[in-house]
PDB file of N, CA and C in Angstrom:
ATOM      1  N   UNK A   1       0.917  -1.197   0.153  1.00  0.00           N
ATOM      2  CA  UNK A   1       0.169   0.020   0.071  1.00  0.00           C
ATOM      3  C   UNK A   1       1.061   1.188  -0.093  1.00  0.00           C
ATOM      4  N   UNK A   2       0.511   2.048  -0.628  1.00  0.00           N
ATOM      5  CA  UNK A   2       1.296   3.518  -0.844  1.00  0.00           C
ATOM      6  C   UNK A   2       0.277   4.723  -0.312  1.00  0.00           C
ATOM      7  N   UNK A   3       0.653   5.443   0.758  1.00  0.00           N
ATOM      8  CA  UNK A   3      -0.349   6.110   1.388  1.00  0.00           C
ATOM      9  C   UNK A   3       0.420   7.486   1.559  1.00  0.00           C
ATOM     10  N   UNK A   4      -0.029   8.763   1.197  1.00  0.00           N
ATOM     11  CA  UNK A   4       0.304   9.910   1.289  1.00  0.00           C
ATOM     12  C   UNK A   4       0.184  10.310   2.885  1.00  0.00           C
ATOM     13  N   UNK A   5       1.058  10.749   3.309  1.00  0.00           N
ATOM     14  CA  UNK A   5       1.074  11.332   4.608  1.00  0.00           C
ATOM     15  C   UNK A   5       0.824  12.771   4.915  1.00  0.00           C
ATOM     16  N   UNK A   6       0.105  13.096   6.133  1.00  0.00           N
ATOM     17  CA  UNK A   6      -0.495  14.420   6.228  1.00  0.00           C
ATOM     18  C   UNK A   6       0.471  15.192   6.161  1.00  0.00           C
ATOM     19  N   UNK A   7       1.714  15.247   6.641  1.00  0.00           N
ATOM     20  CA  UNK A   7       2.606  16.129   6.860  1.00  0.00           C
ATOM     21  C   UNK A   7       3.524  16.255   5.679  1.00  0.00           C
ATOM     22  N   UNK A   8       2.934  16.144   4.439  1.00  0.00           N
ATOM     23  CA  UNK A   8       3.466  16.749   3.431  1.00  0.00           C
ATOM     24  C   UNK A   8       3.575  18.213   3.354  1.00  0.00           C
ATOM     25  N   UNK A   9       4.590  18.805   2.900  1.00  0.00           N
ATOM     26  CA  UNK A   9       4.576  20.604   3.109  1.00  0.00           C
ATOM     27  C   UNK A   9       5.423  21.062   2.039  1.00  0.00           C
ATOM     28  N   UNK A  10       5.214  22.172   1.628  1.00  0.00           N
ATOM     29  CA  UNK A  10       5.583  23.143   0.783  1.00  0.00           C
ATOM     30  C   UNK A  10       6.386  22.059  -0.650  1.00  0.00           C
ATOM     31  N   UNK A  11       7.390  21.966  -0.840  1.00  0.00           N
ATOM     32  CA  UNK A  11       7.837  21.185  -2.183  1.00  0.00           C
ATOM     33  C   UNK A  11       8.225  19.541  -1.797  1.00  0.00           C
ATOM     34  N   UNK A  12       7.822  19.126  -0.570  1.00  0.00           N
ATOM     35  CA  UNK A  12       7.960  17.637  -0.050  1.00  0.00           C
ATOM     36  C   UNK A  12       6.533  16.821  -0.262  1.00  0.00           C
ATOM     37  N   UNK A  13       6.757  15.954  -0.771  1.00  0.00           N
ATOM     38  CA  UNK A  13       5.610  15.082  -0.906  1.00  0.00           C
ATOM     39  C   UNK A  13       5.968  13.807  -0.032  1.00  0.00           C
ATOM     40  N   UNK A  14       5.546  13.451   0.984  1.00  0.00           N
ATOM     41  CA  UNK A  14       5.736  12.470   2.069  1.00  0.00           C
ATOM     42  C   UNK A  14       4.749  11.248   1.820  1.00  0.00           C
ATOM     43  N   UNK A  15       5.269  10.115   1.737  1.00  0.00           N
ATOM     44  CA  UNK A  15       4.300   8.934   1.233  1.00  0.00           C
ATOM     45  C   UNK A  15       4.989   7.823   2.246  1.00  0.00           C
ATOM     46  N   UNK A  16       4.026   6.928   2.764  1.00  0.00           N
ATOM     47  CA  UNK A  16       4.256   5.560   3.566  1.00  0.00           C
ATOM     48  C   UNK A  16       4.147   4.418   2.313  1.00  0.00           C
ATOM     49  N   UNK A  17       5.175   3.528   2.488  1.00  0.00           N
ATOM     50  CA  UNK A  17       5.139   2.193   1.517  1.00  0.00           C
ATOM     51  C   UNK A  17       4.957   1.267   2.504  1.00  0.00           C
ATOM     52  N   UNK A  18       3.951   0.318   2.353  1.00  0.00           N
ATOM     53  CA  UNK A  18       3.842  -0.816   3.171  1.00  0.00           C
ATOM     54  C   UNK A  18       3.412  -1.996   2.688  1.00  0.00           C
ATOM     55  N   UNK A  19       3.377  -3.192   2.986  1.00  0.00           N
ATOM     56  CA  UNK A  19       2.809  -4.409   2.500  1.00  0.00           C
ATOM     57  C   UNK A  19       3.499  -4.408   0.987  1.00  0.00           C
ATOM     58  N   UNK A  20       2.677  -4.975   0.127  1.00  0.00           N
ATOM     59  CA  UNK A  20       3.095  -4.919  -1.311  1.00  0.00           C
ATOM     60  C   UNK A  20       2.346  -4.009  -2.230  1.00  0.00           C
ATOM     61  N   UNK A  21       3.142  -3.288  -3.212  1.00  0.00           N
ATOM     62  CA  UNK A  21       2.717  -2.073  -3.630  1.00  0.00           C
ATOM     63  C   UNK A  21       2.014  -2.912  -5.133  1.00  0.00           C
ATOM     64  N   UNK A  22       0.673  -2.156  -5.673  1.00  0.00           N
ATOM     65  CA  UNK A  22       0.082  -2.712  -6.691  1.00  0.00           C
ATOM     66  C   UNK A  22      -0.086  -1.442  -7.753  1.00  0.00           C
ATOM     67  N   UNK A  23      -0.657  -1.917  -8.773  1.00  0.00           N
ATOM     68  CA  UNK A  23      -0.652  -1.111  -9.875  1.00  0.00           C
ATOM     69  C   UNK A  23      -1.852   0.104  -9.246  1.00  0.00           C
ATOM     70  N   UNK A  24      -2.805  -0.103  -8.575  1.00  0.00           N
ATOM     71  CA  UNK A  24      -3.953   0.761  -7.932  1.00  0.00           C
ATOM     72  C   UNK A  24      -3.181   1.607  -7.227  1.00  0.00           C
ATOM     73  N   UNK A  25      -1.893   1.356  -6.333  1.00  0.00           N
ATOM     74  CA  UNK A  25      -1.189   2.396  -5.751  1.00  0.00           C
ATOM     75  C   UNK A  25      -0.797   3.521  -6.806  1.00  0.00           C
ATOM     76  N   UNK A  26      -0.251   3.050  -7.725  1.00  0.00           N
ATOM     77  CA  UNK A  26       0.251   4.187  -8.534  1.00  0.00           C
ATOM     78  C   UNK A  26      -0.661   5.042  -9.345  1.00  0.00           C
ATOM     79  N   UNK A  27      -1.420   4.644  -9.296  1.00  0.00           N
ATOM     80  CA  UNK A  27      -2.909   5.164  -9.958  1.00  0.00           C
ATOM     81  C   UNK A  27      -3.384   6.371  -9.210  1.00  0.00           C
ATOM     82  N   UNK A  28      -3.214   6.034  -7.584  1.00  0.00           N
ATOM     83  CA  UNK A  28      -3.322   7.450  -6.850  1.00  0.00           C
ATOM     84  C   UNK A  28      -2.202   8.092  -6.451  1.00  0.00           C
ATOM     85  N   UNK A  29      -0.923   7.576  -6.667  1.00  0.00           N
ATOM     86  CA  UNK A  29       0.441   8.321  -6.352  1.00  0.00           C
ATOM     87  C   UNK A  29       0.702   9.545  -7.533  1.00  0.00           C
ATOM     88  N   UNK A  30       0.778   8.954  -8.658  1.00  0.00           N
ATOM     89  CA  UNK A  30       1.253   9.730  -9.895  1.00  0.00           C
ATOM     90  C   UNK A  30       0.558  11.067  -9.948  1.00  0.00           C
ATOM     91  N   UNK A  31      -0.892  11.168 -10.154  1.00  0.00           N
ATOM     92  CA  UNK A  31      -1.577  12.211 -10.247  1.00  0.00           C
ATOM     93  C   UNK A  31      -1.184  13.434  -9.187  1.00  0.00           C
ATOM     94  N   UNK A  32      -0.998  12.780  -7.603  1.00  0.00           N
ATOM     95  CA  UNK A  32      -0.348  13.461  -6.639  1.00  0.00           C
ATOM     96  C   UNK A  32       0.792  14.184  -6.797  1.00  0.00           C
ATOM     97  N   UNK A  33       1.724  13.457  -7.407  1.00  0.00           N
ATOM     98  CA  UNK A  33       3.240  13.875  -7.659  1.00  0.00           C
ATOM     99  C   UNK A  33       3.010  14.816  -8.702  1.00  0.00           C
ATOM    100  N   UNK A  34       2.526  14.601  -9.867  1.00  0.00           N
ATOM    101  CA  UNK A  34       2.200  15.406 -10.983  1.00  0.00           C
ATOM    102  C   UNK A  34       1.622  16.657 -10.727  1.00  0.00           C
ATOM    103  N   UNK A  35       0.817  16.933  -9.823  1.00  0.00           N
ATOM    104  CA  UNK A  35      -0.204  17.950  -9.249  1.00  0.00           C
ATOM    105  C   UNK A  35       0.902  19.021  -8.898  1.00  0.00           C
ATOM    106  N   UNK A  36       1.812  18.312  -7.556  1.00  0.00           N
ATOM    107  CA  UNK A  36       2.625  19.062  -7.013  1.00  0.00           C
ATOM    108  C   UNK A  36       3.642  19.658  -7.750  1.00  0.00           C
ATOM    109  N   UNK A  37       4.125  18.888  -8.729  1.00  0.00           N
ATOM    110  CA  UNK A  37       5.196  19.542  -9.980  1.00  0.00           C
ATOM    111  C   UNK A  37       4.455  20.660 -10.604  1.00  0.00           C
ATOM    112  N   UNK A  38       3.324  20.530 -11.220  1.00  0.00           N
ATOM    113  CA  UNK A  38       2.863  21.657 -12.102  1.00  0.00           C
ATOM    114  C   UNK A  38       2.504  22.703 -10.942  1.00  0.00           C
ATOM    115  N   UNK A  39       2.207  22.480  -9.827  1.00  0.00           N
ATOM    116  CA  UNK A  39       2.076  23.935  -9.003  1.00  0.00           C
ATOM    117  C   UNK A  39       3.370  24.388  -8.105  1.00  0.00           C
ATOM    118  N   UNK A  40       4.369  23.433  -7.941  1.00  0.00           N
ATOM    119  CA  UNK A  40       5.667  23.940  -7.285  1.00  0.00           C
ATOM    120  C   UNK A  40       6.477  23.813  -7.986  1.00  0.00           C
ATOM    121  N   UNK A  41       6.637  23.110  -9.221  1.00  0.00           N
ATOM    122  CA  UNK A  41       7.922  22.806  -9.814  1.00  0.00           C
ATOM    123  C   UNK A  41       8.766  21.733  -9.287  1.00  0.00           C
ATOM    124  N   UNK A  42       9.926  21.577  -9.410  1.00  0.00           N
ATOM    125  CA  UNK A  42      10.698  20.411  -8.987  1.00  0.00           C
ATOM    126  C   UNK A  42      10.231  20.188  -7.439  1.00  0.00           C
ATOM    127  N   UNK A  43      10.223  18.761  -6.982  1.00  0.00           N
ATOM    128  CA  UNK A  43       9.703  18.488  -6.096  1.00  0.00           C
ATOM    129  C   UNK A  43      10.842  17.767  -5.229  1.00  0.00           C
ATOM    130  N   UNK A  44      10.555  17.422  -4.004  1.00  0.00           N
ATOM    131  CA  UNK A  44      11.433  16.249  -3.092  1.00  0.00           C
ATOM    132  C   UNK A  44      10.280  15.395  -2.353  1.00  0.00           C
ATOM    133  N   UNK A  45      10.843  14.219  -2.332  1.00  0.00           N
ATOM    134  CA  UNK A  45      10.150  13.031  -1.662  1.00  0.00           C
ATOM    135  C   UNK A  45      10.415  12.673  -0.310  1.00  0.00           C
ATOM    136  N   UNK A  46       9.594  12.161   0.561  1.00  0.00           N
ATOM    137  CA  UNK A  46      10.074  11.762   1.790  1.00  0.00           C
ATOM    138  C   UNK A  46       9.348  10.206   1.697  1.00  0.00           C
ATOM    139  N   UNK A  47       9.891   9.034   1.841  1.00  0.00           N
ATOM    140  CA  UNK A  47       9.439   7.578   1.547  1.00  0.00           C
ATOM    141  C   UNK A  47       9.752   6.890   2.449  1.00  0.00           C
ATOM    142  N   UNK A  48       8.567   6.542   3.539  1.00  0.00           N
ATOM    143  CA  UNK A  48       8.590   5.947   4.611  1.00  0.00           C
ATOM    144  C   UNK A  48       8.276   4.503   4.600  1.00  0.00           C
ATOM    145  N   UNK A  49       9.280   3.593   4.649  1.00  0.00           N
ATOM    146  CA  UNK A  49       9.036   2.084   4.559  1.00  0.00           C
ATOM    147  C   UNK A  49       8.806   1.517   5.820  1.00  0.00           C
ATOM    148  N   UNK A  50       7.486   1.005   5.734  1.00  0.00           N
ATOM    149  CA  UNK A  50       7.214   0.013   7.206  1.00  0.00           C
ATOM    150  C   UNK A  50       6.875  -1.155   6.734  1.00  0.00           C
ATOM    151  N   UNK A  51       7.263  -2.065   6.873  1.00  0.00           N
ATOM    152  CA  UNK A  51       6.997  -3.575   6.661  1.00  0.00           C
ATOM    153  C   UNK A  51       6.724  -3.649   5.114  1.00  0.00           C
ATOM    154  N   UNK A  52       7.247  -3.103   4.499  1.00  0.00           N
ATOM    155  CA  UNK A  52       7.292  -3.272   2.878  1.00  0.00           C
ATOM    156  C   UNK A  52       7.837  -4.467   2.455  1.00  0.00           C
ATOM    157  N   UNK A  53       7.117  -4.990   1.382  1.00  0.00           N
ATOM    158  CA  UNK A  53       7.278  -6.307   0.931  1.00  0.00           C
ATOM    159  C   UNK A  53       7.476  -6.213  -0.717  1.00  0.00           C
ATOM    160  N   UNK A  54       7.883  -5.128  -1.136  1.00  0.00           N
ATOM    161  CA  UNK A  54       7.995  -5.052  -2.766  1.00  0.00           C
ATOM    162  C   UNK A  54       6.997  -4.629  -3.613  1.00  0.00           C
ATOM    163  N   UNK A  55       6.967  -5.067  -4.684  1.00  0.00           N
ATOM    164  CA  UNK A  55       5.928  -4.733  -5.915  1.00  0.00           C
ATOM    165  C   UNK A  55       5.208  -5.797  -6.461  1.00  0.00           C
ATOM    166  N   UNK A  56       4.364  -5.888  -6.957  1.00  0.00           N
ATOM    167  CA  UNK A  56       3.926  -6.958  -7.978  1.00  0.00           C
ATOM    168  C   UNK A  56       4.338  -6.537  -9.190  1.00  0.00           C
ATOM    169  N   UNK A  57       4.364  -7.446 -10.111  1.00  0.00           N
ATOM    170  CA  UNK A  57       5.282  -6.989 -11.592  1.00  0.00           C
ATOM    171  C   UNK A  57       4.557  -5.865 -12.127  1.00  0.00           C
ATOM    172  N   UNK A  58       3.474  -5.655 -12.046  1.00  0.00           N
ATOM    173  CA  UNK A  58       2.779  -4.421 -12.963  1.00  0.00           C
ATOM    174  C   UNK A  58       3.120  -3.141 -12.010  1.00  0.00           C
ATOM    175  N   UNK A  59       3.276  -3.148 -10.915  1.00  0.00           N
ATOM    176  CA  UNK A  59       3.525  -1.998  -9.971  1.00  0.00           C
ATOM    177  C   UNK A  59       5.088  -1.700 -10.019  1.00  0.00           C
ATOM    178  N   UNK A  60       5.978  -2.881 -10.316  1.00  0.00           N
ATOM    179  CA  UNK A  60       7.397  -2.450 -10.540  1.00  0.00           C
ATOM    180  C   UNK A  60       7.453  -1.997 -11.795  1.00  0.00           C
ATOM    181  N   UNK A  61       6.904  -2.358 -12.650  1.00  0.00           N
ATOM    182  CA  UNK A  61       6.809  -1.284 -14.262  1.00  0.00           C
ATOM    183  C   UNK A  61       6.355  -0.174 -13.948  1.00  0.00           C
ATOM    184  N   UNK A  62       5.177   0.289 -13.457  1.00  0.00           N
ATOM    185  CA  UNK A  62       4.731   1.391 -13.196  1.00  0.00           C
ATOM    186  C   UNK A  62       5.647   2.447 -12.285  1.00  0.00           C
ATOM    187  N   UNK A  63       6.493   1.798 -11.285  1.00  0.00           N
ATOM    188  CA  UNK A  63       7.693   2.400 -10.589  1.00  0.00           C
ATOM    189  C   UNK A  63       8.437   3.237 -11.450  1.00  0.00           C
ATOM    190  N   UNK A  64       9.171   2.161 -12.567  1.00  0.00           N
ATOM    191  CA  UNK A  64      10.185   2.255 -13.302  1.00  0.00           C
ATOM    192  C   UNK A  64       9.828   3.488 -14.423  1.00  0.00           C
ATOM    193  N   UNK A  65       8.384   3.184 -15.010  1.00  0.00           N
ATOM    194  CA  UNK A  65       7.948   4.184 -15.987  1.00  0.00           C
ATOM    195  C   UNK A  65       7.857   5.468 -15.131  1.00  0.00           C
ATOM    196  N   UNK A  66       7.160   5.693 -14.193  1.00  0.00           N
ATOM    197  CA  UNK A  66       7.281   6.892 -13.194  1.00  0.00           C
ATOM    198  C   UNK A  66       8.527   7.624 -13.148  1.00  0.00           C
ATOM    199  N   UNK A  67       9.555   6.929 -12.725  1.00  0.00           N
ATOM    200  CA  UNK A  67      10.870   7.656 -12.357  1.00  0.00           C
ATOM    201  C   UNK A  67      11.489   8.045 -13.924  1.00  0.00           C
ATOM    202  N   UNK A  68      11.350   7.049 -14.825  1.00  0.00           N
ATOM    203  CA  UNK A  68      11.867   7.596 -16.353  1.00  0.00           C
ATOM    204  C   UNK A  68      11.288   8.867 -16.794  1.00  0.00           C
ATOM    205  N   UNK A  69       9.652   8.829 -16.484  1.00  0.00           N
ATOM    206  CA  UNK A  69       9.133   9.919 -16.884  1.00  0.00           C
ATOM    207  C   UNK A  69       9.285  11.546 -16.110  1.00  0.00           C
ATOM    208  N   UNK A  70       9.943  11.198 -14.754  1.00  0.00           N
ATOM    209  CA  UNK A  70       9.788  12.299 -13.954  1.00  0.00           C
ATOM    210  C   UNK A  70      11.231  12.616 -13.136  1.00  0.00           C
ATOM    211  N   UNK A  71      12.244  11.721 -14.167  1.00  0.00           N
ATOM    212  CA  UNK A  71      13.621  12.167 -13.675  1.00  0.00           C
ATOM    213  C   UNK A  71      14.219  13.379 -13.364  1.00  0.00           C
ATOM    214  N   UNK A  72      13.662  14.407 -14.184  1.00  0.00           N
ATOM    215  CA  UNK A  72      14.439  15.706 -13.841  1.00  0.00           C
ATOM    216  C   UNK A  72      13.834  16.424 -13.265  1.00  0.00           C
ATOM    217  N   UNK A  73      12.449  16.302 -12.583  1.00  0.00           N
ATOM    218  CA  UNK A  73      11.563  16.764 -11.860  1.00  0.00           C
ATOM    219  C   UNK A  73      11.609  16.610 -10.300  1.00  0.00           C
ATOM    220  N   UNK A  74      12.085  15.767  -9.886  1.00  0.00           N
ATOM    221  CA  UNK A  74      12.414  15.238  -8.460  1.00  0.00           C
ATOM    222  C   UNK A  74      13.887  15.549  -7.969  1.00  0.00           C
ATOM    223  N   UNK A  75      13.913  16.266  -6.816  1.00  0.00           N
ATOM    224  CA  UNK A  75      15.234  16.748  -6.815  1.00  0.00           C
ATOM    225  C   UNK A  75      16.186  16.215  -5.555  1.00  0.00           C
ATOM    226  N   UNK A  76      15.013  15.385  -4.551  1.00  0.00           N
ATOM    227  CA  UNK A  76      15.905  14.698  -3.604  1.00  0.00           C
ATOM    228  C   UNK A  76      14.723  13.711  -3.035  1.00  0.00           C
ATOM    229  N   UNK A  77      15.204  12.540  -2.612  1.00  0.00           N
ATOM    230  CA  UNK A  77      14.466  11.659  -2.251  1.00  0.00           C
ATOM    231  C   UNK A  77      15.086  10.890  -1.014  1.00  0.00           C
ATOM    232  N   UNK A  78      14.268  10.924   0.225  1.00  0.00           N
ATOM    233  CA  UNK A  78      14.891  10.435   1.258  1.00  0.00           C
ATOM    234  C   UNK A  78      13.894   9.338   1.734  1.00  0.00           C
ATOM    235  N   UNK A  79      14.678   8.070   2.032  1.00  0.00           N
ATOM    236  CA  UNK A  79      14.211   6.881   2.054  1.00  0.00           C
ATOM    237  C   UNK A  79      14.366   6.710   3.541  1.00  0.00           C
ATOM    238  N   UNK A  80      13.281   6.235   4.337  1.00  0.00           N
ATOM    239  CA  UNK A  80      13.543   6.030   6.063  1.00  0.00           C
ATOM    240  C   UNK A  80      12.770   4.641   6.089  1.00  0.00           C
ATOM    241  N   UNK A  81      13.779   3.896   6.742  1.00  0.00           N
ATOM    242  CA  UNK A  81      13.441   2.695   7.255  1.00  0.00           C
ATOM    243  C   UNK A  81      13.883   1.227   6.227  1.00  0.00           C
ATOM    244  N   UNK A  82      13.220   0.138   6.590  1.00  0.00           N
ATOM    245  CA  UNK A  82      13.403  -1.110   5.848  1.00  0.00           C
ATOM    246  C   UNK A  82      14.471  -1.234   4.989  1.00  0.00           C
ATOM    247  N   UNK A  83      15.769  -1.175   5.795  1.00  0.00           N
ATOM    248  CA  UNK A  83      17.042  -1.321   5.155  1.00  0.00           C
ATOM    249  C   UNK A  83      17.459  -2.466   4.116  1.00  0.00           C
ATOM    250  N   UNK A  84      16.756  -3.703   4.216  1.00  0.00           N
ATOM    251  CA  UNK A  84      16.724  -4.742   3.369  1.00  0.00           C
ATOM    252  C   UNK A  84      16.605  -4.226   1.960  1.00  0.00           C
ATOM    253  N   UNK A  85      15.526  -3.424   1.646  1.00  0.00           N
ATOM    254  CA  UNK A  85      15.499  -2.980   0.301  1.00  0.00           C
ATOM    255  C   UNK A  85      16.445  -2.182  -0.176  1.00  0.00           C
ATOM    256  N   UNK A  86      17.117  -1.429   0.469  1.00  0.00           N
ATOM    257  CA  UNK A  86      18.265  -0.369   0.224  1.00  0.00           C
ATOM    258  C   UNK A  86      19.172  -0.749  -1.078  1.00  0.00           C
ATOM    259  N   UNK A  87      19.806  -1.945  -1.203  1.00  0.00           N
ATOM    260  CA  UNK A  87      20.529  -2.099  -2.270  1.00  0.00           C
ATOM    261  C   UNK A  87      19.810  -2.139  -3.692  1.00  0.00           C
ATOM    262  N   UNK A  88      18.735  -2.874  -3.606  1.00  0.00           N
ATOM    263  CA  UNK A  88      17.794  -2.899  -4.679  1.00  0.00           C
ATOM    264  C   UNK A  88      17.368  -1.704  -5.267  1.00  0.00           C
ATOM    265  N   UNK A  89      16.773  -0.784  -4.335  1.00  0.00           N
ATOM    266  CA  UNK A  89      16.483   0.575  -4.497  1.00  0.00           C
ATOM    267  C   UNK A  89      17.233   1.469  -5.210  1.00  0.00           C
ATOM    268  N   UNK A  90      18.634   1.357  -4.820  1.00  0.00           N
ATOM    269  CA  UNK A  90      19.314   2.265  -5.124  1.00  0.00           C
ATOM    270  C   UNK A  90      19.739   1.857  -6.677  1.00  0.00           C
ATOM    271  N   UNK A  91      19.727   0.561  -6.907  1.00  0.00           N
ATOM    272  CA  UNK A  91      19.975   0.250  -8.405  1.00  0.00           C
ATOM    273  C   UNK A  91      19.063   0.574  -9.321  1.00  0.00           C
ATOM    274  N   UNK A  92      17.672   0.952  -8.613  1.00  0.00           N
ATOM    275  CA  UNK A  92      16.377   1.027  -9.537  1.00  0.00           C
ATOM    276  C   UNK A  92      16.564   2.582  -9.523  1.00  0.00           C
ATOM    277  N   UNK A  93      16.594   3.198  -8.793  1.00  0.00           N
ATOM    278  CA  UNK A  93      16.655   4.794  -8.274  1.00  0.00           C
ATOM    279  C   UNK A  93      17.668   5.273  -9.255  1.00  0.00           C
ATOM    280  N   UNK A  94      18.972   4.655  -9.198  1.00  0.00           N
ATOM    281  CA  UNK A  94      20.021   5.271  -9.659  1.00  0.00           C
ATOM    282  C   UNK A  94      19.901   4.927 -11.357  1.00  0.00           C
ATOM    283  N   UNK A  95      19.421   4.301 -11.755  1.00  0.00           N
ATOM    284  CA  UNK A  95      19.311   4.063 -13.202  1.00  0.00           C
ATOM    285  C   UNK A  95      18.114   4.982 -13.978  1.00  0.00           C
ATOM    286  N   UNK A  96      17.284   5.460 -13.133  1.00  0.00           N
ATOM    287  CA  UNK A  96      16.256   6.042 -13.845  1.00  0.00           C
ATOM    288  C   UNK A  96      15.656   7.497 -13.251  1.00  0.00           C
ATOM    289  N   UNK A  97      16.461   8.022 -12.222  1.00  0.00           N
ATOM    290  CA  UNK A  97      16.252   9.250 -11.655  1.00  0.00           C
ATOM    291  C   UNK A  97      17.495  10.212 -11.424  1.00  0.00           C
ATOM    292  N   UNK A  98      17.395  11.132 -11.719  1.00  0.00           N
ATOM    293  CA  UNK A  98      18.666  12.022 -11.408  1.00  0.00           C
ATOM    294  C   UNK A  98      18.449  12.621 -10.098  1.00  0.00           C
ATOM    295  N   UNK A  99      17.494  12.211  -9.011  1.00  0.00           N
ATOM    296  CA  UNK A  99      17.482  12.751  -7.944  1.00  0.00           C
ATOM    297  C   UNK A  99      18.621  12.441  -7.151  1.00  0.00           C
ATOM    298  N   UNK A 100      19.067  13.125  -6.021  1.00  0.00           N
ATOM    299  CA  UNK A 100      19.874  12.684  -4.944  1.00  0.00           C
ATOM    300  C   UNK A 100      18.969  11.830  -3.922  1.00  0.00           C
ATOM    301  N   UNK A 101      19.834  10.575  -3.747  1.00  0.00           N
ATOM    302  CA  UNK A 101      18.971   9.778  -2.437  1.00  0.00           C
ATOM    303  C   UNK A 101      19.638   9.668  -1.652  1.00  0.00           C
ATOM    304  N   UNK A 102      19.113   9.728  -0.440  1.00  0.00           N
ATOM    305  CA  UNK A 102      19.862   9.497   0.827  1.00  0.00           C
ATOM    306  C   UNK A 102      18.802   8.591   1.721  1.00  0.00           C
ATOM    307  N   UNK A 103      19.546   7.554   2.534  1.00  0.00           N
ATOM    308  CA  UNK A 103      18.879   6.734   3.248  1.00  0.00           C
ATOM    309  C   UNK A 103      19.083   7.112   4.681  1.00  0.00           C
ATOM    310  N   UNK A 104      17.992   6.790   5.562  1.00  0.00           N
ATOM    311  CA  UNK A 104      17.768   7.427   6.933  1.00  0.00           C
ATOM    312  C   UNK A 104      17.182   5.884   7.737  1.00  0.00           C
ATOM    313  N   UNK A 105      17.599   5.690   8.761  1.00  0.00           N
ATOM    314  CA  UNK A 105      17.359   4.757   9.753  1.00  0.00           C
ATOM    315  C   UNK A 105      15.670   5.265  10.010  1.00  0.00           C
ATOM    316  N   UNK A 106      15.036   3.998  10.629  1.00  0.00           N
ATOM    317  CA  UNK A 106      13.579   4.041  11.024  1.00  0.00           C
ATOM    318  C   UNK A 106      13.468   5.238  11.927  1.00  0.00           C
ATOM    319  N   UNK A 107      14.442   5.380  12.842  1.00  0.00           N
ATOM    320  CA  UNK A 107      14.256   6.597  13.886  1.00  0.00           C
ATOM    321  C   UNK A 107      14.850   7.839  13.405  1.00  0.00           C
ATOM    322  N   UNK A 108      14.941   7.715  12.247  1.00  0.00           N
ATOM    323  CA  UNK A 108      15.649   9.139  12.102  1.00  0.00           C
ATOM    324  C   UNK A 108      14.811  10.073  10.680  1.00  0.00           C
ATOM    325  N   UNK A 109      13.754   9.988  11.028  1.00  0.00           N
ATOM    326  CA  UNK A 109      12.484  10.649  10.070  1.00  0.00           C
ATOM    327  C   UNK A 109      12.804  12.189  10.438  1.00  0.00           C
ATOM    328  N   UNK A 110      12.777  12.394  11.251  1.00  0.00           N
ATOM    329  CA  UNK A 110      13.116  14.070  11.701  1.00  0.00           C
ATOM    330  C   UNK A 110      14.403  14.707  10.814  1.00  0.00           C
ATOM    331  N   UNK A 111      15.552  13.869  10.714  1.00  0.00           N
ATOM    332  CA  UNK A 111      16.593  14.103  10.163  1.00  0.00           C
ATOM    333  C   UNK A 111      16.360  14.158   8.485  1.00  0.00           C
ATOM    334  N   UNK A 112      15.843  13.275   8.306  1.00  0.00           N
ATOM    335  CA  UNK A 112      15.204  13.118   6.881  1.00  0.00           C
ATOM    336  C   UNK A 112      14.486  14.414   6.317  1.00  0.00           C
ATOM    337  N   UNK A 113      13.595  14.822   7.136  1.00  0.00           N
ATOM    338  CA  UNK A 113      12.797  16.024   6.875  1.00  0.00           C
ATOM    339  C   UNK A 113      13.784  17.205   6.869  1.00  0.00           C
ATOM    340  N   UNK A 114      14.760  17.330   7.734  1.00  0.00           N
ATOM    341  CA  UNK A 114      15.523  18.515   7.614  1.00  0.00           C
ATOM    342  C   UNK A 114      16.650  18.364   6.452  1.00  0.00           C
ATOM    343  N   UNK A 115      16.868  17.274   6.012  1.00  0.00           N
ATOM    344  CA  UNK A 115      17.788  17.198   4.880  1.00  0.00           C
ATOM    345  C   UNK A 115      16.824  17.587   3.407  1.00  0.00           C
ATOM    346  N   UNK A 116      15.614  17.188   3.676  1.00  0.00           N
ATOM    347  CA  UNK A 116      14.704  17.635   2.463  1.00  0.00           C
ATOM    348  C   UNK A 116      14.463  19.016   2.520  1.00  0.00           C
ATOM    349  N   UNK A 117      14.366  19.440   3.522  1.00  0.00           N
ATOM    350  CA  UNK A 117      14.017  21.140   3.689  1.00  0.00           C
ATOM    351  C   UNK A 117      15.382  22.061   3.447  1.00  0.00           C
ATOM    352  N   UNK A 118      16.703  21.378   3.455  1.00  0.00           N
ATOM    353  CA  UNK A 118      17.786  22.190   3.213  1.00  0.00           C
ATOM    354  C   UNK A 118      17.932  22.652   1.813  1.00  0.00           C
TER     355      UNK A 118
END
């Protein structure tokens, strides 16, 4: 499941990723990001991983397509939590995104916000 967090602010879109992501998650997520880009320009993202189990095949394709289409419109991505996904996500993000990506421990969300706001 992919869910927008209430504390999204300014140019930062905050999302929680949990369980397994499906195509429907991207149907909700992509318009949210595209609206933020249209109104605020380049954006930054906070991704909070909690009990994350990856993507089904269609959602994985949606993720790659999203990153390829928006690679120059997202400046920074802060990933918080679930460190076992880090090596894989670095490979995917590094291939399709120009964003600067930084990882934070589960208890360092405040530090992630500070980095995104800087």
